[in-house]
Amino acid sequence: MQEAWAFAENVSVTVDGEEMTYSEYVRDLGQHVVPDKLQVPSRKHPDVKHLSEKLGKSGQSIHDHLSFLLLPDEAQEWIDEGDLTKRAARMIVRKCRSNIDDPADALA
């Protein structure tokens, strides 16, 4: 999760015409009118491409890490503790980004 937050500090997004870092976006989700689906920079995003080239990681890996920031706190703790695989985390992210009213329901 530390790596995900570090990536998020280096990726910018535009929300309602305002540019911010992805970490600011995630921290302030409750203050934004969230679009139909939560915004996660794609592997083709210029900042993700730059990080990919700079760090020698795939754009998909960086995108996946950024999407983990949308997980409920409990799931993020599981990742930190090594109790949640990346594959399982990606499945939970998909459920959290769907039309579930409470992302915590995805953990069930």
N, C-alpha and C. Protein backbone atom coordinates (compact mmCIF):
# COMPACT_ATOMS: atom_id res chain seq x y z
N MET A 1 0.82 -1.19 0.00
CA MET A 1 0.00 0.00 0.00
C MET A 1 0.87 1.25 0.00
N GLN A 2 2.05 1.17 0.63
CA GLN A 2 2.95 2.32 0.60
C GLN A 2 3.35 2.66 -0.84
N GLU A 3 3.60 1.62 -1.62
CA GLU A 3 3.96 1.82 -3.02
C GLU A 3 2.79 2.45 -3.77
N ALA A 4 1.58 2.00 -3.49
CA ALA A 4 0.39 2.56 -4.15
C ALA A 4 0.26 4.05 -3.83
N TRP A 5 0.44 4.42 -2.56
CA TRP A 5 0.34 5.84 -2.19
C TRP A 5 1.46 6.65 -2.84
N ALA A 6 2.65 6.07 -2.95
CA ALA A 6 3.76 6.78 -3.61
C ALA A 6 3.44 7.01 -5.09
N PHE A 7 2.89 6.00 -5.76
CA PHE A 7 2.48 6.18 -7.14
C PHE A 7 1.44 7.29 -7.25
N ALA A 8 0.48 7.27 -6.31
CA ALA A 8 -0.64 8.23 -6.36
C ALA A 8 -0.17 9.67 -6.20
N GLU A 9 0.93 9.88 -5.52
CA GLU A 9 1.48 11.24 -5.36
C GLU A 9 2.06 11.76 -6.68
N ASN A 10 2.36 10.84 -7.60
CA ASN A 10 3.01 11.22 -8.86
C ASN A 10 2.10 11.12 -10.07
N VAL A 11 0.81 10.94 -9.83
CA VAL A 11 -0.16 10.85 -10.93
C VAL A 11 -1.22 11.92 -10.70
N SER A 12 -1.46 12.73 -11.72
CA SER A 12 -2.47 13.78 -11.58
C SER A 12 -3.75 13.39 -12.31
N VAL A 13 -4.86 13.89 -11.77
CA VAL A 13 -6.17 13.68 -12.38
C VAL A 13 -6.91 15.01 -12.37
N THR A 14 -7.90 15.12 -13.23
CA THR A 14 -8.72 16.31 -13.28
C THR A 14 -10.14 15.92 -12.90
N VAL A 15 -10.67 16.59 -11.88
CA VAL A 15 -12.01 16.32 -11.40
C VAL A 15 -12.76 17.65 -11.38
N ASP A 16 -13.87 17.69 -12.10
CA ASP A 16 -14.68 18.91 -12.18
C ASP A 16 -13.82 20.12 -12.56
N GLY A 17 -12.88 19.91 -13.49
CA GLY A 17 -12.04 20.99 -13.99
C GLY A 17 -10.87 21.34 -13.09
N GLU A 18 -10.74 20.66 -11.95
CA GLU A 18 -9.67 20.94 -11.01
C GLU A 18 -8.63 19.82 -11.08
N GLU A 19 -7.35 20.20 -11.25
CA GLU A 19 -6.28 19.20 -11.30
C GLU A 19 -5.78 18.95 -9.88
N MET A 20 -5.57 17.68 -9.57
CA MET A 20 -5.07 17.28 -8.25
C MET A 20 -4.31 15.99 -8.40
N THR A 21 -3.55 15.62 -7.37
CA THR A 21 -2.89 14.33 -7.41
C THR A 21 -3.94 13.25 -7.17
N TYR A 22 -3.64 12.05 -7.62
CA TYR A 22 -4.58 10.96 -7.41
C TYR A 22 -4.75 10.69 -5.91
N SER A 23 -3.70 10.87 -5.13
CA SER A 23 -3.83 10.66 -3.68
C SER A 23 -4.81 11.67 -3.08
N GLU A 24 -4.79 12.93 -3.54
CA GLU A 24 -5.76 13.92 -3.07
C GLU A 24 -7.18 13.51 -3.47
N TYR A 25 -7.32 13.02 -4.68
CA TYR A 25 -8.63 12.57 -5.17
C TYR A 25 -9.19 11.47 -4.27
N VAL A 26 -8.35 10.47 -3.97
CA VAL A 26 -8.81 9.35 -3.16
C VAL A 26 -9.15 9.81 -1.74
N ARG A 27 -8.30 10.64 -1.18
CA ARG A 27 -8.54 11.12 0.19
C ARG A 27 -9.80 11.98 0.28
N ASP A 28 -10.15 12.67 -0.79
CA ASP A 28 -11.28 13.59 -0.79
C ASP A 28 -12.50 13.07 -1.52
N LEU A 29 -12.60 11.77 -1.73
CA LEU A 29 -13.72 11.22 -2.50
C LEU A 29 -15.07 11.67 -1.96
N GLY A 30 -15.21 11.76 -0.67
CA GLY A 30 -16.47 12.15 -0.08
C GLY A 30 -16.88 13.57 -0.42
N GLN A 31 -15.92 14.41 -0.82
CA GLN A 31 -16.21 15.80 -1.15
C GLN A 31 -16.51 16.00 -2.63
N HIS A 32 -16.28 15.00 -3.43
CA HIS A 32 -16.49 15.11 -4.87
C HIS A 32 -17.83 14.50 -5.26
N VAL A 33 -18.38 15.02 -6.31
CA VAL A 33 -19.50 14.33 -6.94
C VAL A 33 -18.85 13.25 -7.79
N VAL A 34 -18.95 12.03 -7.33
CA VAL A 34 -18.25 10.93 -8.00
C VAL A 34 -18.98 10.57 -9.28
N PRO A 35 -18.24 10.46 -10.40
CA PRO A 35 -18.88 10.07 -11.65
C PRO A 35 -19.49 8.67 -11.55
N ASP A 36 -20.13 8.23 -12.63
CA ASP A 36 -20.76 6.92 -12.62
C ASP A 36 -19.82 5.84 -12.08
N LYS A 37 -18.58 5.92 -12.46
CA LYS A 37 -17.58 4.98 -11.95
C LYS A 37 -16.43 5.79 -11.38
N LEU A 38 -15.83 5.28 -10.33
CA LEU A 38 -14.70 5.96 -9.74
C LEU A 38 -13.56 6.04 -10.74
N GLN A 39 -12.82 7.11 -10.66
CA GLN A 39 -11.74 7.35 -11.61
C GLN A 39 -10.45 6.68 -11.13
N VAL A 40 -9.89 5.83 -11.96
CA VAL A 40 -8.58 5.24 -11.72
C VAL A 40 -7.77 5.47 -12.99
N PRO A 41 -6.64 6.17 -12.89
CA PRO A 41 -5.83 6.41 -14.09
C PRO A 41 -5.46 5.10 -14.78
N SER A 42 -5.66 5.06 -16.08
CA SER A 42 -5.38 3.84 -16.85
C SER A 42 -3.88 3.68 -17.06
N ARG A 43 -3.51 2.53 -17.56
CA ARG A 43 -2.09 2.29 -17.84
C ARG A 43 -1.59 3.17 -18.97
N LYS A 44 -2.52 3.78 -19.73
CA LYS A 44 -2.14 4.68 -20.84
C LYS A 44 -2.05 6.14 -20.40
N HIS A 45 -2.42 6.43 -19.16
CA HIS A 45 -2.34 7.79 -18.62
C HIS A 45 -0.88 8.26 -18.71
N PRO A 46 -0.62 9.49 -19.14
CA PRO A 46 0.77 9.96 -19.31
C PRO A 46 1.64 9.81 -18.06
N ASP A 47 1.09 10.10 -16.89
CA ASP A 47 1.87 9.97 -15.66
C ASP A 47 2.16 8.52 -15.34
N VAL A 48 1.20 7.63 -15.62
CA VAL A 48 1.41 6.20 -15.38
C VAL A 48 2.48 5.68 -16.34
N LYS A 49 2.41 6.11 -17.60
CA LYS A 49 3.43 5.71 -18.58
C LYS A 49 4.81 6.16 -18.12
N HIS A 50 4.89 7.41 -17.64
CA HIS A 50 6.18 7.95 -17.18
C HIS A 50 6.72 7.13 -16.00
N LEU A 51 5.87 6.84 -15.02
CA LEU A 51 6.30 6.02 -13.88
C LEU A 51 6.73 4.63 -14.34
N SER A 52 5.99 4.08 -15.26
CA SER A 52 6.30 2.75 -15.78
C SER A 52 7.70 2.72 -16.37
N GLU A 53 8.00 3.71 -17.20
CA GLU A 53 9.32 3.78 -17.83
C GLU A 53 10.41 4.05 -16.79
N LYS A 54 10.13 4.95 -15.87
CA LYS A 54 11.11 5.35 -14.86
C LYS A 54 11.43 4.21 -13.89
N LEU A 55 10.41 3.46 -13.50
CA LEU A 55 10.58 2.43 -12.48
C LEU A 55 10.75 1.02 -13.04
N GLY A 56 10.52 0.86 -14.34
CA GLY A 56 10.63 -0.47 -14.94
C GLY A 56 9.50 -1.40 -14.53
N LYS A 57 8.35 -0.83 -14.21
CA LYS A 57 7.16 -1.61 -13.86
C LYS A 57 6.16 -1.48 -15.00
N SER A 58 5.29 -2.44 -15.12
CA SER A 58 4.29 -2.35 -16.18
C SER A 58 3.24 -1.30 -15.80
N GLY A 59 2.67 -0.68 -16.81
CA GLY A 59 1.59 0.27 -16.58
C GLY A 59 0.41 -0.38 -15.91
N GLN A 60 0.15 -1.65 -16.22
CA GLN A 60 -0.95 -2.38 -15.60
C GLN A 60 -0.70 -2.56 -14.11
N SER A 61 0.53 -2.85 -13.73
CA SER A 61 0.87 -3.01 -12.32
C SER A 61 0.64 -1.71 -11.56
N ILE A 62 1.04 -0.59 -12.14
CA ILE A 62 0.84 0.70 -11.50
C ILE A 62 -0.65 1.01 -11.40
N HIS A 63 -1.39 0.75 -12.47
CA HIS A 63 -2.85 0.95 -12.46
C HIS A 63 -3.48 0.10 -11.34
N ASP A 64 -3.08 -1.15 -11.22
CA ASP A 64 -3.63 -2.03 -10.19
C ASP A 64 -3.36 -1.46 -8.80
N HIS A 65 -2.12 -1.02 -8.58
CA HIS A 65 -1.77 -0.44 -7.28
C HIS A 65 -2.64 0.79 -6.99
N LEU A 66 -2.84 1.64 -7.98
CA LEU A 66 -3.67 2.83 -7.79
C LEU A 66 -5.10 2.44 -7.45
N SER A 67 -5.60 1.38 -8.07
CA SER A 67 -6.97 0.96 -7.81
C SER A 67 -7.13 0.41 -6.39
N PHE A 68 -6.05 -0.13 -5.80
CA PHE A 68 -6.12 -0.65 -4.44
C PHE A 68 -6.45 0.45 -3.43
N LEU A 69 -6.18 1.71 -3.78
CA LEU A 69 -6.47 2.82 -2.88
C LEU A 69 -7.97 3.04 -2.71
N LEU A 70 -8.78 2.44 -3.59
CA LEU A 70 -10.23 2.55 -3.49
C LEU A 70 -10.82 1.49 -2.56
N LEU A 71 -9.99 0.56 -2.12
CA LEU A 71 -10.47 -0.50 -1.24
C LEU A 71 -10.79 0.04 0.14
N PRO A 72 -11.75 -0.58 0.82
CA PRO A 72 -12.00 -0.22 2.21
C PRO A 72 -10.72 -0.41 3.04
N ASP A 73 -10.61 0.34 4.13
CA ASP A 73 -9.41 0.31 4.97
C ASP A 73 -9.05 -1.11 5.41
N GLU A 74 -10.06 -1.90 5.73
CA GLU A 74 -9.81 -3.26 6.18
C GLU A 74 -9.06 -4.08 5.13
N ALA A 75 -9.47 -3.95 3.88
CA ALA A 75 -8.81 -4.69 2.79
C ALA A 75 -7.40 -4.16 2.57
N GLN A 76 -7.21 -2.85 2.72
CA GLN A 76 -5.86 -2.30 2.59
C GLN A 76 -4.93 -2.86 3.67
N GLU A 77 -5.47 -3.03 4.86
CA GLU A 77 -4.69 -3.63 5.94
C GLU A 77 -4.33 -5.07 5.60
N TRP A 78 -5.25 -5.81 5.00
CA TRP A 78 -4.98 -7.19 4.61
C TRP A 78 -3.83 -7.24 3.60
N ILE A 79 -3.81 -6.28 2.69
CA ILE A 79 -2.71 -6.23 1.71
C ILE A 79 -1.39 -5.99 2.44
N ASP A 80 -1.38 -4.99 3.33
CA ASP A 80 -0.16 -4.69 4.09
C ASP A 80 0.34 -5.88 4.88
N GLU A 81 -0.58 -6.66 5.42
CA GLU A 81 -0.21 -7.81 6.24
C GLU A 81 0.09 -9.05 5.40
N GLY A 82 -0.11 -8.97 4.09
CA GLY A 82 0.15 -10.11 3.22
C GLY A 82 -0.96 -11.14 3.23
N ASP A 83 -2.13 -10.76 3.74
CA ASP A 83 -3.25 -11.69 3.84
C ASP A 83 -4.20 -11.63 2.64
N LEU A 84 -3.91 -10.77 1.70
CA LEU A 84 -4.78 -10.61 0.53
C LEU A 84 -3.91 -10.60 -0.72
N THR A 85 -4.17 -11.53 -1.63
CA THR A 85 -3.38 -11.57 -2.87
C THR A 85 -3.79 -10.43 -3.78
N LYS A 86 -2.91 -10.11 -4.72
CA LYS A 86 -3.24 -9.05 -5.68
C LYS A 86 -4.47 -9.44 -6.51
N ARG A 87 -4.56 -10.70 -6.84
CA ARG A 87 -5.72 -11.15 -7.63
C ARG A 87 -7.02 -10.94 -6.85
N ALA A 88 -7.02 -11.33 -5.59
CA ALA A 88 -8.21 -11.14 -4.76
C ALA A 88 -8.50 -9.65 -4.59
N ALA A 89 -7.46 -8.85 -4.41
CA ALA A 89 -7.65 -7.40 -4.26
C ALA A 89 -8.28 -6.81 -5.52
N ARG A 90 -7.82 -7.25 -6.70
CA ARG A 90 -8.41 -6.74 -7.96
C ARG A 90 -9.88 -7.11 -8.05
N MET A 91 -10.25 -8.32 -7.59
CA MET A 91 -11.66 -8.73 -7.62
C MET A 91 -12.50 -7.84 -6.70
N ILE A 92 -11.97 -7.53 -5.53
CA ILE A 92 -12.70 -6.68 -4.60
C ILE A 92 -12.83 -5.26 -5.17
N VAL A 93 -11.77 -4.77 -5.81
CA VAL A 93 -11.82 -3.44 -6.42
C VAL A 93 -12.94 -3.39 -7.45
N ARG A 94 -13.04 -4.42 -8.27
CA ARG A 94 -14.11 -4.43 -9.29
C ARG A 94 -15.48 -4.33 -8.63
N LYS A 95 -15.65 -5.05 -7.53
CA LYS A 95 -16.94 -4.99 -6.84
C LYS A 95 -17.16 -3.62 -6.20
N CYS A 96 -16.11 -3.04 -5.66
CA CYS A 96 -16.23 -1.71 -5.04
C CYS A 96 -16.58 -0.65 -6.08
N ARG A 97 -16.09 -0.82 -7.29
CA ARG A 97 -16.33 0.17 -8.35
C ARG A 97 -17.67 -0.05 -9.05
N SER A 98 -18.32 -1.16 -8.76
CA SER A 98 -19.62 -1.40 -9.38
C SER A 98 -20.67 -0.57 -8.65
N ASN A 99 -21.89 -0.86 -8.84
CA ASN A 99 -22.96 -0.05 -8.27
C ASN A 99 -23.33 -0.43 -6.84
N ILE A 100 -22.38 -0.92 -6.10
CA ILE A 100 -22.62 -1.25 -4.70
C ILE A 100 -22.67 0.05 -3.91
N ASP A 101 -23.71 0.25 -3.11
CA ASP A 101 -23.85 1.49 -2.35
C ASP A 101 -22.75 1.66 -1.31
N ASP A 102 -22.37 0.59 -0.65
CA ASP A 102 -21.34 0.66 0.38
C ASP A 102 -20.19 -0.25 -0.03
N PRO A 103 -19.00 0.33 -0.35
CA PRO A 103 -17.88 -0.51 -0.78
C PRO A 103 -17.53 -1.61 0.20
N ALA A 104 -17.81 -1.40 1.48
CA ALA A 104 -17.51 -2.44 2.47
C ALA A 104 -18.30 -3.72 2.19
N ASP A 105 -19.45 -3.59 1.49
CA ASP A 105 -20.23 -4.77 1.12
C ASP A 105 -19.44 -5.70 0.20
N ALA A 106 -18.49 -5.15 -0.54
CA ALA A 106 -17.68 -5.97 -1.44
C ALA A 106 -16.83 -6.96 -0.68
N LEU A 107 -16.51 -6.66 0.57
CA LEU A 107 -15.68 -7.57 1.36
C LEU A 107 -16.42 -8.84 1.72
N ALA A 108 -17.74 -8.72 1.82
CA ALA A 108 -18.54 -9.90 2.15
C ALA A 108 -18.42 -10.92 1.04
